[in-house]
Amino acid sequence: MSRRAWLGIAAGGGVLALGASRWWLGRMPWAADPHATKIVVYASPTCDCCRAWMRHLKSSGFNVTKQLMNDVTPMKQQLGVPEELWSCHTALVEGYAVEGHVPADLIQKMLLERRAIAGLAAPGMPNGSPGMEGPTRDRYEVIAFTRTGATEVYAVRGLV
């Protein structure tokens, strides 16, 4: 084997090893970005769309911690989510509640704005929202709500 071929193989092997180690470390829970925004998601242990929404958050740069519980109702009540806005899961991020399949970019926008609201909600389980991807897409509203129950449309997504 020529010296040039041997160096090429060695360099290629090194690049492969480095890439594999970075991939492996990225899979480790303790290797999460310490600067990523932390969000705690309260969800049923059997809900597939909740897991899909958590993957959406992770891929958008959030540091996701899941708290699995059979009944998420007490968290919704504790965080002041109006009952008409309830969905399948509830999250807490920097003091704000996030109810349902709210897109990650809207959560990031809320955190930048720091408005005097209790949180955001995507009521129900709208088709086409993060975690509810499929063949159909619904038009849906993301609602801002306060602890006193006041609501307003924060954003509209889907078919507009």
Protein backbone atom coordinates (compact mmCIF):
# COMPACT_ATOMS: atom_id res chain seq x y z
CA MET A 1 0.00 0.00 0.00
CA SER A 2 1.33 3.43 -0.88
CA ARG A 3 1.97 6.03 1.75
CA ARG A 4 -0.64 8.32 0.15
CA ALA A 5 -3.32 5.56 0.31
CA TRP A 6 -2.45 4.76 3.92
CA LEU A 7 -2.70 8.46 4.92
CA GLY A 8 -6.04 8.76 3.12
CA ILE A 9 -7.45 5.74 4.93
CA ALA A 10 -6.12 6.97 8.29
CA ALA A 11 -7.56 10.45 7.77
CA GLY A 12 -10.91 9.04 6.66
CA GLY A 13 -11.02 6.75 9.69
CA GLY A 14 -10.30 9.68 11.98
CA VAL A 15 -13.08 11.76 10.45
CA LEU A 16 -15.47 8.82 10.76
CA ALA A 17 -14.52 8.25 14.41
CA LEU A 18 -14.95 11.94 15.25
CA GLY A 19 -18.35 12.06 13.55
CA ALA A 20 -19.50 8.88 15.29
CA SER A 21 -18.40 10.14 18.70
CA ARG A 22 -20.24 13.43 18.20
CA TRP A 23 -23.35 11.53 17.12
CA TRP A 24 -23.10 9.24 20.17
CA LEU A 25 -22.53 12.11 22.62
CA GLY A 26 -25.52 13.94 21.13
CA ARG A 27 -27.67 10.95 22.10
CA MET A 28 -26.60 11.07 25.76
CA PRO A 29 -29.12 12.82 28.06
CA TRP A 30 -26.30 14.40 30.07
CA ALA A 31 -24.87 15.92 26.90
CA ALA A 32 -27.78 18.35 26.42
CA ASP A 33 -26.81 21.94 25.62
CA PRO A 34 -26.53 23.64 29.03
CA HIS A 35 -27.54 26.93 27.43
CA ALA A 36 -30.72 25.58 25.81
CA THR A 37 -34.02 26.81 27.22
CA LYS A 38 -35.35 24.27 29.67
CA ILE A 39 -38.96 23.13 29.27
CA VAL A 40 -40.79 20.56 31.40
CA VAL A 41 -43.54 18.65 29.60
CA TYR A 42 -46.30 16.94 31.60
CA ALA A 43 -47.83 14.19 29.49
CA SER A 44 -49.43 10.77 29.51
CA PRO A 45 -46.97 7.88 29.24
CA THR A 46 -49.03 6.39 26.38
CA CYS A 47 -49.47 9.47 24.18
CA ASP A 48 -47.61 9.27 20.85
CA CYS A 49 -48.43 12.83 19.77
CA CYS A 50 -46.97 14.16 23.03
CA ARG A 51 -43.71 12.37 22.30
CA ALA A 52 -43.76 13.76 18.75
CA TRP A 53 -44.25 17.30 20.11
CA MET A 54 -41.32 16.80 22.50
CA ARG A 55 -39.14 15.74 19.53
CA HIS A 56 -40.24 18.95 17.76
CA LEU A 57 -39.13 20.99 20.78
CA LYS A 58 -35.77 19.19 20.98
CA SER A 59 -35.13 19.71 17.28
CA SER A 60 -35.88 23.42 17.82
CA GLY A 61 -33.19 23.70 20.48
CA PHE A 62 -35.15 23.23 23.72
CA ASN A 63 -33.79 21.14 26.59
CA VAL A 64 -36.86 18.94 27.24
CA THR A 65 -37.61 17.17 30.50
CA LYS A 66 -40.65 14.92 30.50
CA GLN A 67 -42.81 14.28 33.51
CA LEU A 68 -45.07 11.36 32.70
CA MET A 69 -48.37 11.21 34.57
CA ASN A 70 -51.65 9.43 33.98
CA ASP A 71 -53.70 12.58 34.65
CA VAL A 72 -52.30 15.94 33.61
CA THR A 73 -55.40 17.85 34.84
CA PRO A 74 -53.83 18.98 38.14
CA MET A 75 -50.93 20.63 36.27
CA LYS A 76 -53.32 22.42 33.90
CA GLN A 77 -55.23 23.77 36.89
CA GLN A 78 -52.09 24.70 38.82
CA LEU A 79 -50.70 26.64 35.84
CA GLY A 80 -54.01 28.45 35.25
CA VAL A 81 -54.85 27.03 31.83
CA PRO A 82 -58.53 27.82 31.08
CA GLU A 83 -60.48 24.58 30.62
CA GLU A 84 -61.72 25.54 27.15
CA LEU A 85 -58.08 25.66 25.97
CA TRP A 86 -57.05 22.21 27.25
CA SER A 87 -55.26 19.72 25.06
CA CYS A 88 -53.39 16.47 25.73
CA HIS A 89 -50.20 17.80 27.35
CA THR A 90 -49.03 20.80 29.34
CA ALA A 91 -45.57 22.31 29.66
CA LEU A 92 -43.81 24.86 31.82
CA VAL A 93 -41.06 27.08 30.42
CA GLU A 94 -39.54 30.02 32.31
CA GLY A 95 -42.74 30.54 34.31
CA TYR A 96 -45.08 30.31 31.31
CA ALA A 97 -47.57 27.52 30.65
CA VAL A 98 -47.71 25.96 27.19
CA GLU A 99 -50.82 23.91 26.48
CA GLY A 100 -51.01 21.50 23.59
CA HIS A 101 -49.27 21.51 20.24
CA VAL A 102 -47.91 25.07 20.23
CA PRO A 103 -45.14 25.49 17.61
CA ALA A 104 -41.65 25.98 19.09
CA ASP A 105 -41.08 29.26 17.24
CA LEU A 106 -44.12 30.77 18.98
CA ILE A 107 -42.81 29.63 22.37
CA GLN A 108 -39.49 31.29 21.56
CA LYS A 109 -41.31 34.46 20.49
CA MET A 110 -43.29 34.49 23.76
CA LEU A 111 -40.06 34.15 25.74
CA LEU A 112 -38.50 37.07 23.86
CA GLU A 113 -41.55 39.32 24.29
CA ARG A 114 -42.05 38.59 28.00
CA ARG A 115 -45.67 39.75 27.88
CA ALA A 116 -47.80 39.71 31.03
CA ILE A 117 -49.58 36.46 30.12
CA ALA A 118 -49.77 33.07 31.81
CA GLY A 119 -48.99 31.24 28.61
CA LEU A 120 -49.98 29.96 25.17
CA ALA A 121 -52.37 27.23 24.08
CA ALA A 122 -53.21 25.37 20.90
CA PRO A 123 -56.62 24.04 21.99
CA GLY A 124 -57.61 20.53 21.03
CA MET A 125 -55.31 18.60 18.77
CA PRO A 126 -55.20 20.44 15.42
CA ASN A 127 -54.11 18.44 12.39
CA GLY A 128 -50.84 19.74 11.00
CA SER A 129 -49.62 21.23 14.28
CA PRO A 130 -46.25 20.02 15.63
CA GLY A 131 -46.73 16.46 16.82
CA MET A 132 -49.95 16.11 14.83
CA GLU A 133 -48.43 15.96 11.37
CA GLY A 134 -50.36 13.94 8.85
CA PRO A 135 -52.08 14.10 5.48
CA THR A 136 -54.40 16.96 6.49
CA ARG A 137 -53.67 20.41 7.88
CA ASP A 138 -56.21 22.46 9.78
CA ARG A 139 -56.23 26.17 10.28
CA TYR A 140 -55.81 26.71 14.01
CA GLU A 141 -55.29 29.51 16.46
CA VAL A 142 -52.68 29.72 19.16
CA ILE A 143 -54.22 31.54 22.09
CA ALA A 144 -52.49 33.70 24.70
CA PHE A 145 -54.18 33.52 28.11
CA THR A 146 -53.84 35.21 31.48
CA ARG A 147 -54.33 33.90 35.01
CA THR A 148 -57.65 35.75 35.15
CA GLY A 149 -58.93 33.82 32.13
CA ALA A 150 -58.61 36.58 29.53
CA THR A 151 -57.70 35.23 26.08
CA GLU A 152 -56.60 36.60 22.74
CA VAL A 153 -55.43 35.15 19.45
CA TYR A 154 -51.63 35.14 19.50
CA ALA A 155 -51.07 33.57 16.08
CA VAL A 156 -52.89 31.66 13.33
CA ARG A 157 -51.31 28.62 11.73
CA GLY A 158 -52.19 26.04 9.13
CA LEU A 159 -54.38 26.91 6.17
CA VAL A 160 -54.85 30.66 6.20
